[in-house]
Protein backbone atom coordinates (compact mmCIF):
# COMPACT_ATOMS: atom_id res chain seq x y z
CA MET A 1 0.00 0.00 0.00
CA SER A 2 2.95 2.34 0.50
CA ARG A 3 3.58 2.23 -3.28
CA ILE A 4 0.09 3.26 -4.35
CA GLY A 5 -0.79 6.92 -4.93
CA VAL A 6 -3.93 9.00 -5.10
CA GLU A 7 -5.48 11.61 -7.36
CA SER A 8 -4.60 14.99 -5.84
CA ALA A 9 -7.55 16.83 -7.41
CA PHE A 10 -9.92 15.24 -4.92
CA ASP A 11 -7.72 16.23 -1.97
CA VAL A 12 -7.57 19.83 -3.20
CA MET A 13 -11.34 19.89 -3.71
CA VAL A 14 -11.89 18.71 -0.12
CA ARG A 15 -9.69 21.54 1.20
CA ALA A 16 -11.44 24.10 -0.99
CA ARG A 17 -14.86 22.96 0.17
CA ALA A 18 -13.73 23.13 3.79
CA LEU A 19 -12.87 26.80 3.22
CA GLU A 20 -16.29 27.33 1.62
CA ALA A 21 -17.93 25.81 4.68
CA GLN A 22 -16.16 28.49 6.71
CA GLY A 23 -17.75 31.18 4.52
CA LYS A 24 -14.99 31.81 1.93
CA SER A 25 -16.07 32.29 -1.68
CA MET A 26 -14.33 29.72 -3.89
CA ILE A 27 -14.19 29.08 -7.62
CA HIS A 28 -13.47 25.42 -8.36
CA LEU A 29 -11.12 24.89 -11.29
CA GLU A 30 -9.44 21.77 -9.89
CA ILE A 31 -11.68 18.85 -10.88
CA GLY A 32 -11.72 17.52 -14.44
CA GLU A 33 -15.45 17.16 -14.76
CA PRO A 34 -17.79 18.68 -17.36
CA ASP A 35 -20.22 21.09 -15.72
CA PHE A 36 -22.89 20.21 -18.29
CA ALA A 37 -25.90 18.05 -17.44
CA THR A 38 -26.07 14.55 -18.90
CA PRO A 39 -28.16 14.92 -22.10
CA PRO A 40 -31.90 14.26 -21.47
CA HIS A 41 -32.24 11.38 -23.95
CA ILE A 42 -29.53 9.47 -22.08
CA VAL A 43 -31.17 10.09 -18.71
CA GLU A 44 -34.51 9.00 -20.15
CA ALA A 45 -32.97 5.77 -21.48
CA ALA A 46 -31.70 4.98 -17.98
CA LYS A 47 -35.15 5.64 -16.48
CA GLN A 48 -36.75 3.36 -19.03
CA ALA A 49 -34.15 0.68 -18.33
CA LEU A 50 -34.96 0.84 -14.62
CA ASP A 51 -38.68 0.53 -15.37
CA GLN A 52 -37.97 -2.40 -17.69
CA GLY A 53 -36.06 -4.30 -15.01
CA TRP A 54 -32.43 -3.75 -16.03
CA THR A 55 -31.51 -3.90 -12.34
CA HIS A 56 -29.87 -7.32 -12.12
CA TYR A 57 -26.46 -8.84 -12.80
CA GLY A 58 -25.20 -8.67 -16.35
CA PRO A 59 -22.24 -10.32 -18.12
CA SER A 60 -18.90 -9.40 -16.57
CA GLN A 61 -17.54 -8.35 -19.97
CA GLY A 62 -20.53 -6.07 -20.54
CA LEU A 63 -23.90 -6.33 -22.27
CA PRO A 64 -23.44 -7.83 -25.76
CA GLU A 65 -25.64 -5.11 -27.26
CA LEU A 66 -23.45 -2.33 -25.85
CA ARG A 67 -20.22 -4.08 -26.83
CA GLN A 68 -21.49 -4.38 -30.39
CA VAL A 69 -22.40 -0.68 -30.47
CA ILE A 70 -18.96 0.25 -29.09
CA ALA A 71 -17.22 -1.90 -31.71
CA GLN A 72 -19.17 -0.06 -34.43
CA GLU A 73 -18.30 3.29 -32.85
CA ILE A 74 -14.59 2.42 -32.80
CA PHE A 75 -14.78 1.71 -36.54
CA ARG A 76 -16.67 4.96 -37.17
CA THR A 77 -14.29 7.15 -35.16
CA ARG A 78 -10.94 5.37 -35.67
CA GLY A 79 -11.41 3.33 -38.83
CA VAL A 80 -10.41 0.20 -36.89
CA LYS A 81 -12.36 -3.03 -37.34
CA VAL A 82 -12.99 -4.81 -34.05
CA GLY A 83 -15.75 -7.07 -32.75
CA PRO A 84 -17.65 -7.18 -29.47
CA GLU A 85 -15.23 -9.88 -28.28
CA HIS A 86 -12.53 -7.18 -28.14
CA VAL A 87 -14.59 -4.87 -25.90
CA CYS A 88 -14.76 -4.84 -22.10
CA VAL A 89 -17.29 -2.57 -20.38
CA VAL A 90 -16.16 -1.45 -16.94
CA PRO A 91 -17.29 1.00 -14.21
CA GLY A 92 -15.40 4.10 -15.35
CA GLY A 93 -12.19 4.56 -17.32
CA LYS A 94 -9.68 3.77 -14.56
CA PRO A 95 -10.24 -0.03 -14.59
CA ILE A 96 -8.77 -0.04 -18.12
CA ILE A 97 -5.58 1.29 -16.55
CA PHE A 98 -5.83 -0.90 -13.46
CA PHE A 99 -6.79 -4.29 -14.90
CA PRO A 100 -4.50 -4.50 -17.96
CA MET A 101 -1.53 -3.39 -15.86
CA ILE A 102 -2.32 -6.07 -13.27
CA ALA A 103 -2.61 -8.63 -16.08
CA LEU A 104 0.62 -7.66 -17.86
CA LEU A 105 3.17 -6.12 -15.53
CA GLU A 106 5.66 -8.01 -13.37
CA PRO A 107 8.31 -6.60 -11.00
CA GLY A 108 11.15 -5.06 -12.98
CA ASP A 109 9.15 -4.46 -16.17
CA GLU A 110 9.54 -0.92 -17.50
CA VAL A 111 6.63 1.30 -18.49
CA ILE A 112 7.08 4.52 -20.45
CA TYR A 113 4.40 7.05 -19.53
CA PRO A 114 3.79 10.80 -20.05
CA ASN A 115 5.02 13.18 -17.37
CA PRO A 116 3.25 15.39 -16.44
CA GLY A 117 0.42 12.91 -16.77
CA PHE A 118 -2.64 11.42 -15.13
CA PRO A 119 -1.27 10.36 -11.72
CA ILE A 120 -2.91 6.93 -11.74
CA TYR A 121 -0.46 5.73 -14.43
CA GLU A 122 2.59 6.08 -12.19
CA SER A 123 0.63 4.97 -9.13
CA MET A 124 -0.30 1.63 -10.70
CA ILE A 125 3.15 1.06 -12.22
CA ARG A 126 4.78 1.47 -8.80
CA PHE A 127 2.05 -0.53 -7.06
CA LEU A 128 2.85 -3.56 -9.22
CA GLY A 129 6.60 -3.30 -8.65
CA ALA A 130 7.27 -2.24 -12.24
CA VAL A 131 9.62 0.61 -13.13
CA PRO A 132 8.09 3.94 -14.21
CA VAL A 133 10.04 5.56 -17.05
CA PRO A 134 8.80 9.13 -17.50
CA MET A 135 8.62 10.79 -20.91
CA PRO A 136 8.88 14.55 -20.31
CA LEU A 137 6.21 16.55 -22.12
CA GLU A 138 7.82 19.90 -22.77
CA GLU A 139 6.00 23.16 -23.39
CA LYS A 140 8.40 24.10 -26.21
CA ARG A 141 7.22 20.99 -28.10
CA GLY A 142 3.53 21.71 -27.50
CA PHE A 143 3.58 19.14 -24.67
CA CYS A 144 4.41 16.29 -27.06
CA PHE A 145 6.99 13.48 -26.92
CA ASP A 146 10.56 14.08 -27.98
CA LEU A 147 10.82 11.11 -30.34
CA ASN A 148 14.61 10.89 -30.05
CA LEU A 149 14.34 10.68 -26.27
CA PHE A 150 11.54 8.14 -26.67
CA ARG A 151 13.87 5.89 -28.69
CA GLU A 152 16.56 6.24 -26.02
CA ARG A 153 14.20 5.25 -23.20
CA LEU A 154 12.97 2.09 -24.91
CA THR A 155 14.84 -0.98 -23.65
CA ASP A 156 14.47 -4.75 -23.73
CA LYS A 157 12.62 -4.41 -20.40
CA THR A 158 9.95 -2.08 -21.80
CA LYS A 159 6.63 -3.93 -21.45
CA MET A 160 4.16 -1.08 -21.94
CA VAL A 161 3.94 2.44 -23.38
CA VAL A 162 1.19 4.76 -22.16
CA LEU A 163 -0.10 7.43 -24.54
CA ASN A 164 -2.76 9.98 -23.61
CA TYR A 165 -4.14 12.43 -26.17
CA PRO A 166 -5.81 14.84 -25.95
CA HIS A 167 -3.75 15.04 -22.82
CA ASN A 168 -4.52 15.58 -19.15
CA PRO A 169 -3.21 17.91 -17.69
CA THR A 170 -1.84 19.95 -20.63
CA GLY A 171 -4.54 19.61 -23.30
CA GLY A 172 -1.81 18.68 -25.75
CA VAL A 173 -2.55 16.61 -28.86
CA ILE A 174 0.01 14.28 -30.49
CA PRO A 175 0.34 15.14 -34.20
CA ALA A 176 -0.61 12.33 -36.56
CA GLU A 177 2.90 12.23 -38.02
CA ASP A 178 4.38 11.71 -34.54
CA LEU A 179 1.89 8.91 -33.87
CA ARG A 180 2.91 7.30 -37.15
CA GLU A 181 6.57 7.48 -36.08
CA ILE A 182 5.81 6.05 -32.61
CA ALA A 183 3.92 3.20 -34.29
CA ALA A 184 6.87 2.53 -36.61
CA ILE A 185 9.25 2.44 -33.63
CA LEU A 186 7.05 -0.02 -31.72
CA GLN A 187 5.74 -2.12 -34.59
CA ASP A 188 8.28 -4.94 -34.23
CA ARG A 189 8.70 -4.76 -30.46
CA ASP A 190 7.01 -6.99 -27.90
CA VAL A 191 5.30 -4.02 -26.26
CA ILE A 192 1.68 -3.20 -25.42
CA VAL A 193 0.42 0.37 -25.91
CA LEU A 194 -2.19 1.73 -23.51
CA ALA A 195 -3.84 4.47 -25.57
CA ASP A 196 -5.88 6.61 -23.18
CA GLU A 197 -8.29 8.30 -25.58
CA ILE A 198 -10.91 9.36 -23.04
CA TYR A 199 -10.86 12.96 -24.41
CA SER A 200 -10.95 11.90 -28.07
CA ALA A 201 -14.25 13.70 -28.72
CA ILE A 202 -13.11 16.96 -27.11
CA ARG A 203 -10.80 18.48 -29.69
CA TYR A 204 -10.70 21.95 -31.21
CA THR A 205 -9.87 21.03 -34.77
CA ASP A 206 -11.78 19.76 -37.78
CA GLU A 207 -9.17 17.09 -38.45
CA PRO A 208 -10.36 13.52 -37.75
CA PHE A 209 -9.12 11.81 -34.62
CA VAL A 210 -6.24 9.40 -35.27
CA SER A 211 -5.70 6.41 -32.99
CA ILE A 212 -2.35 4.66 -32.86
CA ALA A 213 -4.34 1.42 -33.22
CA SER A 214 -5.06 2.38 -36.84
CA PHE A 215 -1.42 2.07 -37.97
CA PRO A 216 -0.06 -1.18 -39.45
CA GLY A 217 0.76 -3.82 -36.87
CA MET A 218 -0.60 -1.82 -33.93
CA LEU A 219 -4.17 -3.10 -33.45
CA GLU A 220 -2.97 -6.41 -31.97
CA LYS A 221 -0.77 -4.59 -29.43
CA THR A 222 -2.99 -1.63 -28.43
CA ILE A 223 -5.49 -1.14 -25.63
CA ILE A 224 -7.89 1.72 -26.37
CA LEU A 225 -9.30 3.34 -23.24
CA ASP A 226 -12.45 5.40 -23.72
CA GLY A 227 -15.77 5.98 -22.03
CA PHE A 228 -18.77 8.18 -21.46
CA SER A 229 -17.67 10.44 -18.58
CA LYS A 230 -16.15 13.30 -20.57
CA THR A 231 -17.93 13.04 -23.93
CA TYR A 232 -21.46 12.84 -22.50
CA ALA A 233 -20.94 14.51 -19.08
CA MET A 234 -21.55 11.17 -17.33
CA THR A 235 -18.78 11.19 -14.71
CA GLY A 236 -21.02 9.92 -11.91
CA TRP A 237 -22.51 7.12 -14.01
CA ARG A 238 -19.21 5.20 -13.92
CA LEU A 239 -19.28 3.81 -17.42
CA GLY A 240 -16.13 3.20 -19.44
CA TYR A 241 -14.68 0.63 -21.79
CA GLY A 242 -11.54 -0.82 -23.24
CA VAL A 243 -10.91 -2.25 -26.70
CA MET A 244 -8.06 -4.76 -26.76
CA PRO A 245 -6.77 -8.09 -28.11
CA THR A 246 -8.97 -10.99 -27.04
CA PHE A 247 -6.34 -12.53 -24.73
CA LEU A 248 -6.38 -9.32 -22.72
CA ALA A 249 -10.17 -9.01 -22.87
CA GLU A 250 -10.35 -12.46 -21.26
CA ALA A 251 -7.93 -11.34 -18.51
CA VAL A 252 -9.83 -8.12 -17.85
CA THR A 253 -13.09 -10.07 -17.67
CA LYS A 254 -11.58 -12.40 -15.06
CA LEU A 255 -10.51 -9.38 -13.03
CA MET A 256 -14.02 -7.94 -13.32
CA VAL A 257 -15.42 -11.22 -11.98
CA ASN A 258 -13.07 -10.98 -9.01
CA SER A 259 -13.74 -7.32 -8.24
CA ASN A 260 -16.93 -5.69 -9.54
CA SER A 261 -18.83 -8.70 -10.96
CA CYS A 262 -20.29 -6.42 -13.63
CA THR A 263 -21.04 -2.84 -14.61
CA ALA A 264 -24.57 -1.68 -13.71
CA SER A 265 -26.95 -2.89 -16.41
CA PHE A 266 -29.19 0.18 -16.54
CA THR A 267 -26.20 2.51 -17.05
CA GLN A 268 -25.09 0.30 -19.94
CA ARG A 269 -28.52 0.72 -21.53
CA ALA A 270 -28.00 4.48 -21.19
CA GLY A 271 -24.62 4.02 -22.88
CA ILE A 272 -26.31 2.48 -25.91
CA ALA A 273 -28.57 5.54 -26.13
CA ALA A 274 -25.58 7.85 -25.80
CA ILE A 275 -23.69 6.35 -28.74
CA THR A 276 -26.65 5.67 -31.03
CA GLY A 277 -28.62 8.83 -30.19
CA PRO A 278 -28.20 12.42 -31.41
CA GLN A 279 -24.69 13.84 -31.09
CA ASP A 280 -25.60 17.53 -31.25
CA CYS A 281 -25.21 17.64 -27.47
CA VAL A 282 -21.53 16.73 -27.85
CA THR A 283 -21.03 19.27 -30.65
CA ALA A 284 -22.60 22.02 -28.55
CA MET A 285 -20.53 21.13 -25.48
CA VAL A 286 -17.26 21.16 -27.42
CA ALA A 287 -18.15 24.51 -29.02
CA GLU A 288 -18.81 26.02 -25.59
CA LEU A 289 -15.61 24.53 -24.18
CA ARG A 290 -13.68 26.06 -27.07
CA ARG A 291 -15.18 29.47 -26.28
CA ARG A 292 -14.15 29.08 -22.64
CA ARG A 293 -10.68 27.88 -23.63
CA ASP A 294 -10.08 30.97 -25.72
CA ALA A 295 -11.30 33.25 -22.93
CA ILE A 296 -9.39 31.73 -20.02
CA CYS A 297 -6.12 31.38 -21.94
CA LYS A 298 -6.36 35.02 -22.99
CA GLY A 299 -7.05 35.99 -19.39
CA LEU A 300 -4.21 33.89 -17.97
CA ASN A 301 -1.75 35.38 -20.45
CA GLU A 302 -2.67 38.84 -19.16
CA ILE A 303 -1.65 37.95 -15.59
CA PRO A 304 1.85 39.14 -14.66
CA GLU A 305 4.46 36.37 -15.06
CA PHE A 306 1.89 33.81 -16.33
CA SER A 307 2.03 32.26 -19.80
CA CYS A 308 -0.35 29.69 -21.24
CA LEU A 309 -0.36 27.78 -24.53
CA LEU A 310 -3.68 27.30 -26.29
CA PRO A 311 -4.56 23.61 -25.72
CA GLY A 312 -5.68 21.50 -28.67
CA GLY A 313 -8.12 19.34 -26.72
CA ALA A 314 -9.62 18.27 -23.37
CA PHE A 315 -10.64 21.13 -21.02
CA TYR A 316 -7.46 22.08 -19.20
CA ALA A 317 -5.20 25.11 -19.39
CA MET A 318 -1.62 24.51 -18.22
CA ALA A 319 -0.14 27.86 -17.21
CA ASN A 320 3.60 28.33 -16.86
CA VAL A 321 4.13 30.24 -13.59
CA THR A 322 7.91 30.00 -13.21
CA GLY A 323 8.17 33.74 -13.80
CA THR A 324 6.38 34.47 -10.54
CA GLY A 325 9.37 33.21 -8.56
CA MET A 326 7.05 31.11 -6.42
CA ASP A 327 7.00 27.34 -6.13
CA SER A 328 3.96 26.11 -8.07
CA LYS A 329 2.53 24.22 -5.09
CA GLU A 330 3.00 27.27 -2.90
CA LEU A 331 1.33 29.40 -5.55
CA ALA A 332 -1.64 27.01 -5.90
CA ASP A 333 -2.18 27.17 -2.13
CA TYR A 334 -1.80 30.95 -2.18
CA LEU A 335 -4.46 31.32 -4.88
CA MET A 336 -6.82 29.10 -2.90
CA TYR A 337 -6.42 30.79 0.47
CA GLU A 338 -5.87 34.37 -0.68
CA GLY A 339 -7.57 34.53 -4.06
CA GLY A 340 -10.46 32.09 -3.65
CA VAL A 341 -9.45 30.15 -6.76
CA SER A 342 -8.90 26.39 -6.47
CA CYS A 343 -6.56 24.96 -9.11
CA LEU A 344 -3.89 22.25 -9.19
CA ASP A 345 -0.14 22.43 -8.84
CA GLY A 346 1.36 20.89 -11.97
CA GLY A 347 3.60 18.85 -9.67
CA CYS A 348 0.52 16.76 -8.84
CA PHE A 349 1.00 15.26 -12.30
CA GLY A 350 4.68 14.43 -11.92
CA GLU A 351 8.14 15.94 -11.71
CA TYR A 352 7.91 17.66 -15.09
CA GLY A 353 4.68 19.41 -14.14
CA LYS A 354 6.39 21.53 -11.51
CA GLY A 355 6.36 25.22 -12.36
CA TYR A 356 2.86 25.00 -13.87
CA LEU A 357 -0.70 25.35 -12.64
CA ARG A 358 -3.56 23.36 -14.18
CA PHE A 359 -6.91 25.10 -14.52
CA SER A 360 -10.00 23.12 -15.56
CA TYR A 361 -12.21 25.37 -17.66
CA ALA A 362 -15.16 23.01 -17.36
CA ASN A 363 -16.95 25.79 -15.50
CA SER A 364 -19.17 28.70 -16.46
CA MET A 365 -17.74 31.63 -18.41
CA GLU A 366 -18.78 33.90 -15.55
CA ASN A 367 -16.78 31.87 -13.02
CA LEU A 368 -13.76 31.62 -15.32
CA MET A 369 -13.61 35.38 -15.80
CA GLU A 370 -14.10 35.95 -12.08
CA ALA A 371 -11.24 33.52 -11.39
CA VAL A 372 -8.94 35.47 -13.71
CA ALA A 373 -9.98 38.73 -12.04
CA ARG A 374 -9.26 37.31 -8.60
CA ILE A 375 -5.81 36.09 -9.66
CA LYS A 376 -5.02 39.48 -11.18
CA LYS A 377 -6.11 41.14 -7.94
CA VAL A 378 -3.59 39.21 -5.84
CA SER A 379 -0.85 39.13 -8.50
CA PRO A 380 0.84 42.42 -7.46
CA ARG A 381 2.16 40.60 -4.41
CA TRP A 382 4.42 38.41 -6.58
CA ALA A 383 4.83 40.60 -9.68
CA PRO A 384 8.13 42.49 -9.89
CA VAL A 385 7.94 46.23 -9.28
CA PRO A 386 8.48 48.04 -12.59
CA VAL A 387 11.63 50.14 -12.76
CA GLU A 388 11.05 53.75 -13.75
CA ARG A 389 13.29 54.95 -16.53
């Protein structure tokens, strides 16, 4: 248990809410959760499922109907042909990190993962006695891999490579040509790729989404992680899935039997409605998130000693705060206690996140602009005094 970590966003949220309980006004930009309501047709499908008796155990791998729909959706969105036998439906996205790593990793195996990155990657690698090998995501490269460094960090002990794009916490997107190169590097290696594509629908470009699974030789060695939490604002429904080679699907199903038994049947019925129903709700949400992205990044870049790249996807702004002269954790605490703005220290996401603050702009435009105003108000206390000439 000493090797397993946590997700710091929840700890920060608890502290921020404790301050609210004491009467302090707080704007929450720490949790990565859409502030939109789950679309009505999905909620209605769940209600109907409850009325129809979808309240009992289902197959541990997931309802066949939903797995078939997911397989069709993977072909539509990635151009990859898979069948329902390749799909595992699980309660949320994290089990598709947890279960495949349990199935595959042994002590001493090396796993290359993005840093800064979703903290559960490193937590699970360490928990299993494997060796975490961080790939720094540098701002000067748009928070993408340095492919030369990637080649250097691959060894005979590399068992798994974790990719996440659009990326949490930076919002970075791996260019298709880089993905092609990564696929070419890995094509002949005995390595599994965990492609965390949970934000695949939240991108601010008209270019089609490209999955590494679509490149030659990669489908049989890729696990696609996706789900409903971000795309359909269904975080509390706990509904995710993985698409993987059948030998891994069998292993994940065994682990489901031993842990959760199955994912709730009525939420899976809602999942069918989400994928097969109208998608204008997703289009509208992404358009609004883009509007918020543009506004908060503009605002953050106007704060003394802050700089923020425009993210290509997800709903996070990663602001470089090294110019303030303050430690990023110290600054995050300062903004919470003095400014009433709750955000995350980039160090929560790994060593290479230090010097940054992550702001989730899955909040109202009014709150985002108020957050920027509050930060500006307290910024003179760290901003250098201008020299008169």
